[in-house]
Amino acid sequence: MALELQIVNLAGVAHNNPHYEPGWSGFFLALLGMAGCLTVFTGLAVTIFLLRVDGRKSWGNYVIGPAVLVVGLTLTAVGVQLL
């Protein structure tokens, strides 16, 4: 019982709303949004890198980066929408 109370205290924050229920959902949804943003930036970097690579162009150069961008945008949208 004491461990459960400590976990609830760690999850909760001082809040002015009397109906606020402390929990980890906001933290994990914000973490999901940040992971989505990081994935978007990674996809952008991969896209730029693959399009600037010298040599023979293949379909992977045009698909991998935008696919990572779409996954990142989806993660960010889900995190923001549920937050």
N, C-alpha and C. Protein backbone atom coordinates (compact mmCIF):
# COMPACT_ATOMS: atom_id res chain seq x y z
N MET A 1 0.82 -1.19 0.00
CA MET A 1 0.00 0.00 0.00
C MET A 1 0.87 1.25 0.00
N ALA A 2 1.96 1.20 0.74
CA ALA A 2 2.83 2.38 0.84
C ALA A 2 3.50 2.66 -0.50
N LEU A 3 3.90 1.59 -1.22
CA LEU A 3 4.55 1.78 -2.52
C LEU A 3 3.57 2.39 -3.51
N GLU A 4 2.33 1.92 -3.47
CA GLU A 4 1.31 2.47 -4.37
C GLU A 4 1.07 3.95 -4.08
N LEU A 5 1.06 4.33 -2.82
CA LEU A 5 0.88 5.72 -2.44
C LEU A 5 2.06 6.57 -2.92
N GLN A 6 3.27 6.03 -2.84
CA GLN A 6 4.44 6.75 -3.30
C GLN A 6 4.39 6.95 -4.81
N ILE A 7 3.94 5.94 -5.55
CA ILE A 7 3.84 6.05 -7.00
C ILE A 7 2.82 7.11 -7.38
N VAL A 8 1.70 7.15 -6.68
CA VAL A 8 0.68 8.16 -6.96
C VAL A 8 1.23 9.55 -6.63
N ASN A 9 1.99 9.67 -5.56
CA ASN A 9 2.59 10.96 -5.21
C ASN A 9 3.61 11.39 -6.26
N LEU A 10 4.37 10.44 -6.80
CA LEU A 10 5.33 10.78 -7.84
C LEU A 10 4.61 11.20 -9.12
N ALA A 11 3.49 10.56 -9.43
CA ALA A 11 2.77 10.87 -10.66
C ALA A 11 2.01 12.18 -10.57
N GLY A 12 1.60 12.55 -9.38
CA GLY A 12 0.79 13.75 -9.23
C GLY A 12 1.64 15.01 -9.12
N VAL A 13 1.01 16.11 -9.42
CA VAL A 13 1.65 17.41 -9.28
C VAL A 13 0.68 18.33 -8.56
N ALA A 14 1.19 19.43 -8.01
CA ALA A 14 0.32 20.40 -7.37
C ALA A 14 -0.54 21.04 -8.45
N HIS A 15 -1.84 21.00 -8.26
CA HIS A 15 -2.74 21.47 -9.31
C HIS A 15 -3.91 22.19 -8.66
N ASN A 16 -4.38 23.25 -9.29
CA ASN A 16 -5.49 24.04 -8.74
C ASN A 16 -6.85 23.41 -8.97
N ASN A 17 -6.95 22.48 -9.92
CA ASN A 17 -8.23 21.85 -10.23
C ASN A 17 -8.53 20.78 -9.18
N PRO A 18 -9.64 20.89 -8.42
CA PRO A 18 -9.93 19.88 -7.39
C PRO A 18 -10.32 18.53 -7.98
N HIS A 19 -10.69 18.48 -9.26
CA HIS A 19 -11.09 17.23 -9.88
C HIS A 19 -9.93 16.58 -10.65
N TYR A 20 -8.75 17.13 -10.49
CA TYR A 20 -7.56 16.60 -11.18
C TYR A 20 -7.16 15.27 -10.56
N GLU A 21 -7.03 14.26 -11.39
CA GLU A 21 -6.58 12.95 -10.92
C GLU A 21 -5.15 12.75 -11.39
N PRO A 22 -4.20 12.66 -10.46
CA PRO A 22 -2.81 12.48 -10.89
C PRO A 22 -2.62 11.14 -11.57
N GLY A 23 -1.77 11.13 -12.54
CA GLY A 23 -1.50 9.89 -13.26
C GLY A 23 -0.36 10.08 -14.23
N TRP A 24 0.01 8.99 -14.84
CA TRP A 24 1.15 8.98 -15.76
C TRP A 24 0.73 9.20 -17.20
N SER A 25 -0.56 9.25 -17.48
CA SER A 25 -1.00 9.31 -18.88
C SER A 25 -0.51 10.58 -19.57
N GLY A 26 -0.57 11.71 -18.91
CA GLY A 26 -0.10 12.95 -19.52
C GLY A 26 1.39 12.90 -19.83
N PHE A 27 2.15 12.31 -18.91
CA PHE A 27 3.59 12.20 -19.13
C PHE A 27 3.90 11.34 -20.34
N PHE A 28 3.24 10.18 -20.43
CA PHE A 28 3.54 9.28 -21.54
C PHE A 28 3.02 9.82 -22.87
N LEU A 29 1.93 10.54 -22.87
CA LEU A 29 1.45 11.15 -24.11
C LEU A 29 2.37 12.28 -24.55
N ALA A 30 2.88 13.06 -23.61
CA ALA A 30 3.86 14.09 -23.96
C ALA A 30 5.14 13.44 -24.47
N LEU A 31 5.53 12.33 -23.87
CA LEU A 31 6.70 11.59 -24.33
C LEU A 31 6.48 11.06 -25.74
N LEU A 32 5.27 10.59 -26.03
CA LEU A 32 4.93 10.13 -27.37
C LEU A 32 5.02 11.29 -28.37
N GLY A 33 4.53 12.45 -28.00
CA GLY A 33 4.64 13.61 -28.87
C GLY A 33 6.08 14.01 -29.14
N MET A 34 6.91 13.96 -28.09
CA MET A 34 8.33 14.30 -28.28
C MET A 34 9.04 13.26 -29.14
N ALA A 35 8.69 11.98 -28.96
CA ALA A 35 9.27 10.94 -29.79
C ALA A 35 8.86 11.12 -31.25
N GLY A 36 7.62 11.54 -31.47
CA GLY A 36 7.16 11.82 -32.82
C GLY A 36 7.93 12.97 -33.45
N CYS A 37 8.18 14.03 -32.67
CA CYS A 37 8.96 15.16 -33.19
C CYS A 37 10.38 14.74 -33.52
N LEU A 38 10.98 13.93 -32.67
CA LEU A 38 12.33 13.44 -32.94
C LEU A 38 12.35 12.57 -34.20
N THR A 39 11.31 11.77 -34.40
CA THR A 39 11.22 10.94 -35.59
C THR A 39 11.03 11.80 -36.84
N VAL A 40 10.28 12.89 -36.72
CA VAL A 40 10.10 13.80 -37.86
C VAL A 40 11.45 14.40 -38.25
N PHE A 41 12.20 14.88 -37.27
CA PHE A 41 13.50 15.47 -37.58
C PHE A 41 14.47 14.43 -38.15
N THR A 42 14.40 13.20 -37.65
CA THR A 42 15.24 12.13 -38.20
C THR A 42 14.85 11.83 -39.64
N GLY A 43 13.55 11.77 -39.91
CA GLY A 43 13.09 11.53 -41.28
C GLY A 43 13.48 12.65 -42.22
N LEU A 44 13.44 13.87 -41.72
CA LEU A 44 13.86 15.01 -42.54
C LEU A 44 15.35 14.92 -42.86
N ALA A 45 16.15 14.58 -41.87
CA ALA A 45 17.59 14.44 -42.09
C ALA A 45 17.89 13.30 -43.04
N VAL A 46 17.19 12.17 -42.89
CA VAL A 46 17.41 11.03 -43.79
C VAL A 46 17.01 11.39 -45.21
N THR A 47 15.90 12.10 -45.37
CA THR A 47 15.45 12.51 -46.70
C THR A 47 16.48 13.41 -47.37
N ILE A 48 16.93 14.41 -46.65
CA ILE A 48 17.93 15.32 -47.23
C ILE A 48 19.22 14.57 -47.55
N PHE A 49 19.66 13.70 -46.64
CA PHE A 49 20.89 12.95 -46.86
C PHE A 49 20.78 12.04 -48.08
N LEU A 50 19.68 11.31 -48.19
CA LEU A 50 19.54 10.35 -49.29
C LEU A 50 19.36 11.05 -50.64
N LEU A 51 18.76 12.22 -50.65
CA LEU A 51 18.60 12.93 -51.91
C LEU A 51 19.89 13.60 -52.36
N ARG A 52 20.80 13.85 -51.43
CA ARG A 52 22.06 14.50 -51.78
C ARG A 52 23.20 13.52 -52.01
N VAL A 53 22.98 12.24 -51.76
CA VAL A 53 24.03 11.23 -51.93
C VAL A 53 24.41 11.13 -53.40
N ASP A 54 25.71 11.09 -53.64
CA ASP A 54 26.18 10.91 -55.02
C ASP A 54 25.98 9.46 -55.43
N GLY A 55 25.83 9.26 -56.69
CA GLY A 55 25.70 7.90 -57.20
C GLY A 55 24.33 7.64 -57.77
N ARG A 56 24.09 6.36 -57.97
CA ARG A 56 22.85 5.95 -58.61
C ARG A 56 21.66 6.16 -57.67
N LYS A 57 20.64 6.80 -58.18
CA LYS A 57 19.43 7.03 -57.40
C LYS A 57 18.55 5.78 -57.49
N SER A 58 17.99 5.40 -56.38
CA SER A 58 17.09 4.25 -56.36
C SER A 58 15.77 4.67 -55.71
N TRP A 59 14.79 3.78 -55.75
CA TRP A 59 13.49 4.12 -55.18
C TRP A 59 13.59 4.32 -53.68
N GLY A 60 14.56 3.67 -53.04
CA GLY A 60 14.72 3.82 -51.59
C GLY A 60 15.09 5.23 -51.19
N ASN A 61 15.82 5.93 -52.06
CA ASN A 61 16.19 7.31 -51.76
C ASN A 61 14.96 8.21 -51.68
N TYR A 62 13.93 7.87 -52.37
CA TYR A 62 12.73 8.70 -52.42
C TYR A 62 11.62 8.22 -51.49
N VAL A 63 11.76 7.01 -50.93
CA VAL A 63 10.68 6.44 -50.13
C VAL A 63 11.01 6.38 -48.65
N ILE A 64 12.23 6.05 -48.29
CA ILE A 64 12.57 5.81 -46.89
C ILE A 64 12.40 7.07 -46.04
N GLY A 65 12.97 8.18 -46.48
CA GLY A 65 12.87 9.41 -45.71
C GLY A 65 11.44 9.88 -45.52
N PRO A 66 10.65 10.02 -46.58
CA PRO A 66 9.26 10.43 -46.40
C PRO A 66 8.44 9.44 -45.56
N ALA A 67 8.76 8.14 -45.64
CA ALA A 67 8.04 7.17 -44.82
C ALA A 67 8.32 7.42 -43.34
N VAL A 68 9.57 7.72 -43.01
CA VAL A 68 9.90 8.04 -41.62
C VAL A 68 9.22 9.34 -41.20
N LEU A 69 9.14 10.30 -42.11
CA LEU A 69 8.42 11.55 -41.81
C LEU A 69 6.96 11.29 -41.49
N VAL A 70 6.32 10.44 -42.27
CA VAL A 70 4.90 10.13 -42.05
C VAL A 70 4.70 9.44 -40.70
N VAL A 71 5.58 8.51 -40.36
CA VAL A 71 5.48 7.83 -39.06
C VAL A 71 5.65 8.84 -37.93
N GLY A 72 6.63 9.73 -38.06
CA GLY A 72 6.84 10.75 -37.03
C GLY A 72 5.67 11.69 -36.89
N LEU A 73 5.11 12.12 -38.00
CA LEU A 73 3.95 13.01 -37.94
C LEU A 73 2.75 12.30 -37.32
N THR A 74 2.59 11.02 -37.59
CA THR A 74 1.50 10.25 -36.99
C THR A 74 1.68 10.14 -35.50
N LEU A 75 2.88 9.82 -35.04
CA LEU A 75 3.14 9.73 -33.60
C LEU A 75 2.88 11.07 -32.92
N THR A 76 3.35 12.14 -33.52
CA THR A 76 3.15 13.46 -32.95
C THR A 76 1.67 13.82 -32.89
N ALA A 77 0.94 13.54 -33.95
CA ALA A 77 -0.48 13.86 -33.97
C ALA A 77 -1.26 13.07 -32.92
N VAL A 78 -0.94 11.80 -32.77
CA VAL A 78 -1.63 10.97 -31.77
C VAL A 78 -1.30 11.48 -30.37
N GLY A 79 -0.04 11.78 -30.10
CA GLY A 79 0.34 12.29 -28.79
C GLY A 79 -0.32 13.61 -28.44
N VAL A 80 -0.37 14.51 -29.40
CA VAL A 80 -0.99 15.82 -29.17
C VAL A 80 -2.51 15.71 -29.04
N GLN A 81 -3.12 14.87 -29.88
CA GLN A 81 -4.58 14.73 -29.86
C GLN A 81 -5.05 14.12 -28.54
N LEU A 82 -4.34 13.12 -28.03
CA LEU A 82 -4.76 12.47 -26.80
C LEU A 82 -4.37 13.23 -25.55
N LEU A 83 -3.42 14.14 -25.69
CA LEU A 83 -2.98 14.91 -24.53
C LEU A 83 -4.04 15.91 -24.16
